[in-house]
Each structure stands twice: as structure tokens, then as C-alpha cells.
Protein backbone atom coordinates (compact mmCIF):
# COMPACT_ATOMS: atom_id res chain seq x y z
CA MET A 1 14.50 14.64 -0.70
CA PRO A 2 16.42 14.54 -3.98
CA LYS A 3 16.94 17.85 -5.66
CA ILE A 4 16.23 18.34 -9.34
CA THR A 5 18.92 20.25 -11.14
CA PRO A 6 17.92 22.73 -13.83
CA GLY A 7 18.35 21.00 -17.13
CA GLY A 8 17.99 17.65 -15.36
CA GLY A 9 15.24 16.67 -17.74
CA TRP A 10 11.70 15.52 -17.42
CA ALA A 11 12.19 11.96 -16.11
CA PRO A 12 13.70 12.93 -12.72
CA TYR A 13 11.15 15.71 -12.38
CA ALA A 14 8.25 13.33 -13.06
CA LYS A 15 9.58 11.04 -10.30
CA GLU A 16 9.88 13.94 -7.85
CA LEU A 17 6.34 15.08 -8.71
CA GLY A 18 5.13 11.55 -7.98
CA LEU A 19 6.89 11.59 -4.61
CA SER A 20 5.30 14.95 -3.82
CA MET A 21 1.86 13.57 -4.66
CA GLN A 22 2.47 10.50 -2.51
CA ARG A 23 3.73 12.48 0.50
CA LEU A 24 0.78 14.89 0.38
CA ARG A 25 -1.73 12.06 -0.09
CA GLU A 26 -0.34 10.05 2.81
CA ALA A 27 -0.18 13.14 5.07
CA ARG A 28 -3.92 13.53 4.51
CA GLY A 29 -4.68 9.87 5.13
CA LEU A 30 -6.08 9.33 1.64
CA SER A 31 -5.84 6.21 -0.48
CA GLN A 32 -4.68 6.25 -4.08
CA GLU A 33 -8.14 5.08 -5.04
CA ARG A 34 -9.83 8.01 -3.26
CA VAL A 35 -7.56 10.63 -4.83
CA ALA A 36 -7.96 9.04 -8.26
CA TYR A 37 -11.75 8.82 -8.01
CA ASP A 38 -12.12 12.37 -6.70
CA SER A 39 -9.76 13.62 -9.44
CA GLY A 40 -11.78 11.93 -12.18
CA MET A 41 -9.20 9.35 -13.23
CA SER A 42 -8.61 5.65 -12.82
CA ARG A 43 -6.62 4.30 -9.90
CA TYR A 44 -4.17 2.78 -12.38
CA THR A 45 -3.51 6.17 -14.00
CA TYR A 46 -3.02 7.83 -10.62
CA GLN A 47 -0.65 5.04 -9.51
CA LYS A 48 1.44 5.61 -12.62
CA PHE A 49 1.64 9.34 -11.84
CA GLU A 50 2.87 8.57 -8.32
CA LYS A 51 5.50 6.25 -9.78
CA GLY A 52 6.54 8.99 -12.18
CA GLU A 53 6.21 6.77 -15.21
CA SER A 54 3.60 5.90 -17.79
CA MET A 55 5.31 2.68 -18.90
CA PRO A 56 8.57 1.21 -17.61
CA GLY A 57 11.32 3.55 -18.74
CA THR A 58 8.91 6.25 -19.93
CA PRO A 59 8.33 9.25 -17.64
CA ALA A 60 4.78 10.24 -16.73
CA ASN A 61 3.42 13.33 -18.42
CA PRO A 62 0.14 14.21 -16.68
CA SER A 63 -2.06 16.81 -18.29
CA LEU A 64 -2.51 20.19 -16.64
CA ARG A 65 -6.13 19.21 -15.96
CA ASN A 66 -5.01 16.10 -14.06
CA VAL A 67 -2.39 18.00 -12.05
CA MET A 68 -4.95 20.68 -11.13
CA ALA A 69 -7.54 18.06 -10.15
CA ILE A 70 -5.02 16.25 -7.93
CA ALA A 71 -3.97 19.52 -6.28
CA GLN A 72 -7.61 20.36 -5.56
CA VAL A 73 -8.30 16.94 -4.05
CA LEU A 74 -5.18 17.22 -1.90
CA GLY A 75 -6.14 20.77 -0.88
CA VAL A 76 -2.92 22.39 -2.09
CA THR A 77 -1.93 24.98 -4.67
CA LEU A 78 0.01 24.05 -7.78
CA ASP A 79 3.08 25.70 -6.22
CA GLU A 80 2.78 23.37 -3.24
CA LEU A 81 2.39 20.30 -5.43
CA LEU A 82 4.98 20.97 -8.12
CA PRO A 83 8.60 20.43 -7.04
CA ARG A 84 11.15 23.23 -7.46
CA PRO A 85 13.22 23.97 -9.39
CA TRP A 86 11.34 23.22 -12.57
CA PRO A 87 13.40 21.40 -15.17
CA ASP A 88 14.75 23.28 -18.16
CA LEU A 89 12.73 21.61 -20.89
CA HIS A 90 14.73 23.38 -23.59
CA ALA A 91 18.05 21.89 -22.46
CA LYS A 92 19.47 19.28 -24.77
């Protein structure tokens, strides 16, 4: 599993979050469609979160509500879903 370095920025973190979502989803035998539906979002939106991008070259930026809904559907806490370390969003 790739490690995110502090100050590494949002894009690598968004990709790692997507990988975390995918691993947890697959471990539970759930489809992307099921997680999306149960989280209250479209399958397309959920797929983009798992890819870690919203458009090619643009990192995903899911809302806190979406992240919480996904964690609840996957049966994990936010700490279990969110990769560590968190990126330093103030770094230039």
C-alpha cells in the first residue's frame, strides 16, 4: 500500500482514499452500485470517488456527508476509512 507523505497534497490522498473504499467494499462482497445506492449517491459518483478523481486530472473531493454515508454502509468508522497520515493541506 502506498504511503502518503505529510504535505503530499490532496491528489495522492484522494487516490488512497479511493483504494481504501474499494478494498473495504470488496472485502464485504458489495458492488459499487449497492454502496452508492445505500449511500444516497449515483453509481457514477461513487465510481469517481473510488478512482480518486472527479474528472481526469482533477482529484475527487467528496463531501463529509458522502464520506460518512460510505463509512456507514461499509460498517466502519471514519478512522478506519480515512488513510493515515492525513495530508498537510496548508503546505504549498
